[in-house]
Amino acid sequence: MAHSLKDKRKHIKSLKERLKNRFNASIAEISALDDWQRSVLGISMISNERRFLEKQYRAIEKLLEESREIQLIKTAIEWI
């Protein structure tokens, strides 16, 4: 849990790197950049198999739910 904006950025950077390395996903903090108590991340993945992406999405969601560093409040998925 972050106690300052600097601390939050450290945690988010670490989380983004773990997700990128484990799931080959693109991740960006897309909102609440200056709010040290919350963050909104956008995660993007590309595949020609929707089932694969659904499995990856569930794995990412599980990883986030099990993380002690963050509290997952809400998720949303958009297919293009």
N, C-alpha and C. Protein backbone atom coordinates (compact mmCIF):
# COMPACT_ATOMS: atom_id res chain seq x y z
N MET A 1 0.84 -1.18 0.00
CA MET A 1 0.00 0.00 0.00
C MET A 1 0.89 1.24 0.00
N ALA A 2 0.55 2.17 -0.84
CA ALA A 2 1.35 3.39 -0.98
C ALA A 2 1.00 4.39 0.11
N HIS A 3 2.01 5.14 0.53
CA HIS A 3 1.81 6.18 1.54
C HIS A 3 2.14 7.57 0.99
N SER A 4 2.55 7.61 -0.27
CA SER A 4 2.86 8.88 -0.93
C SER A 4 2.78 8.66 -2.44
N LEU A 5 2.79 9.73 -3.19
CA LEU A 5 2.76 9.64 -4.64
C LEU A 5 4.02 8.93 -5.16
N LYS A 6 5.15 9.21 -4.55
CA LYS A 6 6.41 8.56 -4.94
C LYS A 6 6.32 7.05 -4.69
N ASP A 7 5.78 6.68 -3.56
CA ASP A 7 5.62 5.27 -3.21
C ASP A 7 4.65 4.58 -4.18
N LYS A 8 3.55 5.25 -4.50
CA LYS A 8 2.58 4.71 -5.44
C LYS A 8 3.24 4.44 -6.79
N ARG A 9 4.00 5.41 -7.28
CA ARG A 9 4.65 5.25 -8.58
C ARG A 9 5.61 4.06 -8.59
N LYS A 10 6.29 3.85 -7.47
CA LYS A 10 7.20 2.71 -7.35
C LYS A 10 6.42 1.40 -7.45
N HIS A 11 5.30 1.30 -6.74
CA HIS A 11 4.47 0.09 -6.76
C HIS A 11 3.87 -0.14 -8.15
N ILE A 12 3.37 0.93 -8.77
CA ILE A 12 2.75 0.80 -10.09
C ILE A 12 3.79 0.38 -11.13
N LYS A 13 4.97 0.97 -11.06
CA LYS A 13 6.04 0.60 -12.00
C LYS A 13 6.39 -0.89 -11.86
N SER A 14 6.51 -1.36 -10.64
CA SER A 14 6.81 -2.76 -10.38
C SER A 14 5.70 -3.66 -10.91
N LEU A 15 4.46 -3.30 -10.65
CA LEU A 15 3.31 -4.08 -11.11
C LEU A 15 3.27 -4.12 -12.63
N LYS A 16 3.48 -2.98 -13.27
CA LYS A 16 3.47 -2.92 -14.73
C LYS A 16 4.55 -3.83 -15.33
N GLU A 17 5.73 -3.82 -14.76
CA GLU A 17 6.82 -4.66 -15.25
C GLU A 17 6.49 -6.14 -15.09
N ARG A 18 5.92 -6.51 -13.95
CA ARG A 18 5.55 -7.92 -13.74
C ARG A 18 4.51 -8.38 -14.74
N LEU A 19 3.49 -7.54 -14.96
CA LEU A 19 2.44 -7.91 -15.93
C LEU A 19 2.99 -7.97 -17.34
N LYS A 20 3.82 -7.02 -17.69
CA LYS A 20 4.42 -6.99 -19.02
C LYS A 20 5.26 -8.24 -19.27
N ASN A 21 6.09 -8.60 -18.31
CA ASN A 21 6.97 -9.76 -18.47
C ASN A 21 6.22 -11.08 -18.45
N ARG A 22 5.24 -11.18 -17.59
CA ARG A 22 4.52 -12.46 -17.45
C ARG A 22 3.50 -12.69 -18.55
N PHE A 23 2.82 -11.62 -19.00
CA PHE A 23 1.70 -11.78 -19.93
C PHE A 23 1.95 -11.16 -21.31
N ASN A 24 3.11 -10.57 -21.51
CA ASN A 24 3.43 -9.91 -22.78
C ASN A 24 2.33 -8.90 -23.14
N ALA A 25 1.94 -8.11 -22.17
CA ALA A 25 0.87 -7.13 -22.33
C ALA A 25 1.44 -5.71 -22.28
N SER A 26 0.74 -4.80 -22.89
CA SER A 26 1.09 -3.38 -22.80
C SER A 26 0.25 -2.77 -21.69
N ILE A 27 0.89 -2.06 -20.78
CA ILE A 27 0.20 -1.50 -19.62
C ILE A 27 0.55 -0.02 -19.48
N ALA A 28 -0.47 0.78 -19.18
CA ALA A 28 -0.24 2.20 -18.94
C ALA A 28 -1.16 2.68 -17.83
N GLU A 29 -0.67 3.58 -17.01
CA GLU A 29 -1.52 4.24 -16.02
C GLU A 29 -2.26 5.34 -16.78
N ILE A 30 -3.58 5.22 -16.84
CA ILE A 30 -4.36 6.09 -17.73
C ILE A 30 -5.18 7.16 -17.00
N SER A 31 -5.23 7.09 -15.68
CA SER A 31 -6.01 8.07 -14.93
C SER A 31 -5.52 8.10 -13.49
N ALA A 32 -5.87 9.15 -12.79
CA ALA A 32 -5.52 9.33 -11.36
C ALA A 32 -4.01 9.35 -11.15
N LEU A 33 -3.29 9.92 -12.09
CA LEU A 33 -1.83 9.93 -12.02
C LEU A 33 -1.31 10.68 -10.80
N ASP A 34 -1.98 11.72 -10.37
CA ASP A 34 -1.52 12.51 -9.24
C ASP A 34 -2.26 12.21 -7.94
N ASP A 35 -3.02 11.13 -7.94
CA ASP A 35 -3.74 10.69 -6.73
C ASP A 35 -2.96 9.53 -6.13
N TRP A 36 -2.36 9.72 -4.97
CA TRP A 36 -1.49 8.70 -4.40
C TRP A 36 -2.25 7.51 -3.83
N GLN A 37 -3.58 7.60 -3.74
CA GLN A 37 -4.36 6.52 -3.16
C GLN A 37 -5.06 5.63 -4.17
N ARG A 38 -5.01 5.99 -5.44
CA ARG A 38 -5.64 5.13 -6.44
C ARG A 38 -4.95 5.27 -7.79
N SER A 39 -5.23 4.29 -8.64
CA SER A 39 -4.63 4.27 -9.97
C SER A 39 -5.58 3.56 -10.92
N VAL A 40 -5.58 3.99 -12.16
CA VAL A 40 -6.37 3.33 -13.20
C VAL A 40 -5.38 2.87 -14.26
N LEU A 41 -5.36 1.57 -14.50
CA LEU A 41 -4.44 1.01 -15.48
C LEU A 41 -5.21 0.53 -16.70
N GLY A 42 -4.62 0.74 -17.86
CA GLY A 42 -5.13 0.19 -19.11
C GLY A 42 -4.18 -0.91 -19.54
N ILE A 43 -4.73 -2.07 -19.84
CA ILE A 43 -3.92 -3.21 -20.25
C ILE A 43 -4.40 -3.65 -21.62
N SER A 44 -3.46 -3.81 -22.54
CA SER A 44 -3.81 -4.17 -23.90
C SER A 44 -3.04 -5.43 -24.32
N MET A 45 -3.78 -6.35 -24.93
CA MET A 45 -3.17 -7.57 -25.47
C MET A 45 -3.78 -7.84 -26.84
N ILE A 46 -2.99 -8.44 -27.70
CA ILE A 46 -3.44 -8.76 -29.06
C ILE A 46 -3.20 -10.23 -29.33
N SER A 47 -4.20 -10.87 -29.93
CA SER A 47 -4.08 -12.27 -30.32
C SER A 47 -5.14 -12.57 -31.38
N ASN A 48 -4.90 -13.62 -32.14
CA ASN A 48 -5.92 -14.03 -33.10
C ASN A 48 -6.89 -15.04 -32.49
N GLU A 49 -6.72 -15.35 -31.19
CA GLU A 49 -7.60 -16.28 -30.49
C GLU A 49 -8.21 -15.62 -29.27
N ARG A 50 -9.50 -15.39 -29.32
CA ARG A 50 -10.20 -14.74 -28.21
C ARG A 50 -10.12 -15.58 -26.93
N ARG A 51 -10.21 -16.88 -27.07
CA ARG A 51 -10.15 -17.76 -25.89
C ARG A 51 -8.83 -17.59 -25.14
N PHE A 52 -7.74 -17.46 -25.88
CA PHE A 52 -6.44 -17.22 -25.26
C PHE A 52 -6.44 -15.91 -24.47
N LEU A 53 -6.99 -14.85 -25.07
CA LEU A 53 -7.05 -13.56 -24.39
C LEU A 53 -7.93 -13.61 -23.15
N GLU A 54 -9.04 -14.34 -23.23
CA GLU A 54 -9.91 -14.48 -22.06
C GLU A 54 -9.17 -15.19 -20.92
N LYS A 55 -8.39 -16.21 -21.26
CA LYS A 55 -7.61 -16.93 -20.25
C LYS A 55 -6.55 -16.00 -19.63
N GLN A 56 -5.87 -15.23 -20.46
CA GLN A 56 -4.87 -14.28 -19.98
C GLN A 56 -5.51 -13.22 -19.09
N TYR A 57 -6.66 -12.71 -19.51
CA TYR A 57 -7.37 -11.70 -18.72
C TYR A 57 -7.73 -12.24 -17.34
N ARG A 58 -8.25 -13.47 -17.30
CA ARG A 58 -8.60 -14.08 -16.00
C ARG A 58 -7.36 -14.26 -15.13
N ALA A 59 -6.25 -14.63 -15.74
CA ALA A 59 -5.00 -14.81 -14.98
C ALA A 59 -4.51 -13.47 -14.42
N ILE A 60 -4.60 -12.41 -15.22
CA ILE A 60 -4.20 -11.07 -14.75
C ILE A 60 -5.11 -10.63 -13.61
N GLU A 61 -6.40 -10.82 -13.79
CA GLU A 61 -7.36 -10.43 -12.75
C GLU A 61 -7.08 -11.20 -11.45
N LYS A 62 -6.79 -12.47 -11.54
CA LYS A 62 -6.48 -13.28 -10.36
C LYS A 62 -5.22 -12.78 -9.68
N LEU A 63 -4.19 -12.49 -10.48
CA LEU A 63 -2.94 -11.97 -9.92
C LEU A 63 -3.18 -10.67 -9.17
N LEU A 64 -3.99 -9.78 -9.75
CA LEU A 64 -4.28 -8.50 -9.10
C LEU A 64 -5.10 -8.69 -7.83
N GLU A 65 -6.06 -9.60 -7.86
CA GLU A 65 -6.89 -9.84 -6.69
C GLU A 65 -6.07 -10.42 -5.53
N GLU A 66 -5.06 -11.22 -5.85
CA GLU A 66 -4.25 -11.86 -4.82
C GLU A 66 -3.10 -10.98 -4.33
N SER A 67 -2.87 -9.88 -5.00
CA SER A 67 -1.77 -8.99 -4.62
C SER A 67 -2.03 -8.33 -3.28
N ARG A 68 -1.01 -8.28 -2.45
CA ARG A 68 -1.12 -7.61 -1.15
C ARG A 68 -0.84 -6.11 -1.29
N GLU A 69 -0.24 -5.72 -2.41
CA GLU A 69 0.15 -4.32 -2.62
C GLU A 69 -1.02 -3.44 -3.05
N ILE A 70 -2.03 -4.06 -3.66
CA ILE A 70 -3.13 -3.26 -4.21
C ILE A 70 -4.47 -3.83 -3.79
N GLN A 71 -5.50 -3.04 -3.98
CA GLN A 71 -6.87 -3.49 -3.78
C GLN A 71 -7.59 -3.27 -5.09
N LEU A 72 -8.00 -4.34 -5.73
CA LEU A 72 -8.70 -4.27 -7.01
C LEU A 72 -10.15 -3.88 -6.75
N ILE A 73 -10.57 -2.76 -7.32
CA ILE A 73 -11.92 -2.26 -7.09
C ILE A 73 -12.86 -2.65 -8.23
N LYS A 74 -12.40 -2.47 -9.45
CA LYS A 74 -13.30 -2.68 -10.59
C LYS A 74 -12.47 -3.06 -11.81
N THR A 75 -13.02 -3.93 -12.64
CA THR A 75 -12.38 -4.27 -13.91
C THR A 75 -13.42 -4.14 -15.02
N ALA A 76 -12.94 -3.90 -16.21
CA ALA A 76 -13.79 -3.85 -17.39
C ALA A 76 -12.98 -4.35 -18.56
N ILE A 77 -13.65 -4.96 -19.50
CA ILE A 77 -12.97 -5.49 -20.68
C ILE A 77 -13.69 -4.99 -21.93
N GLU A 78 -12.91 -4.69 -22.93
CA GLU A 78 -13.46 -4.22 -24.20
C GLU A 78 -12.79 -5.00 -25.32
N TRP A 79 -13.60 -5.58 -26.18
CA TRP A 79 -13.08 -6.34 -27.33
C TRP A 79 -13.18 -5.49 -28.58
N ILE A 80 -12.10 -5.44 -29.32
CA ILE A 80 -12.10 -4.69 -30.58
C ILE A 80 -11.79 -5.63 -31.72
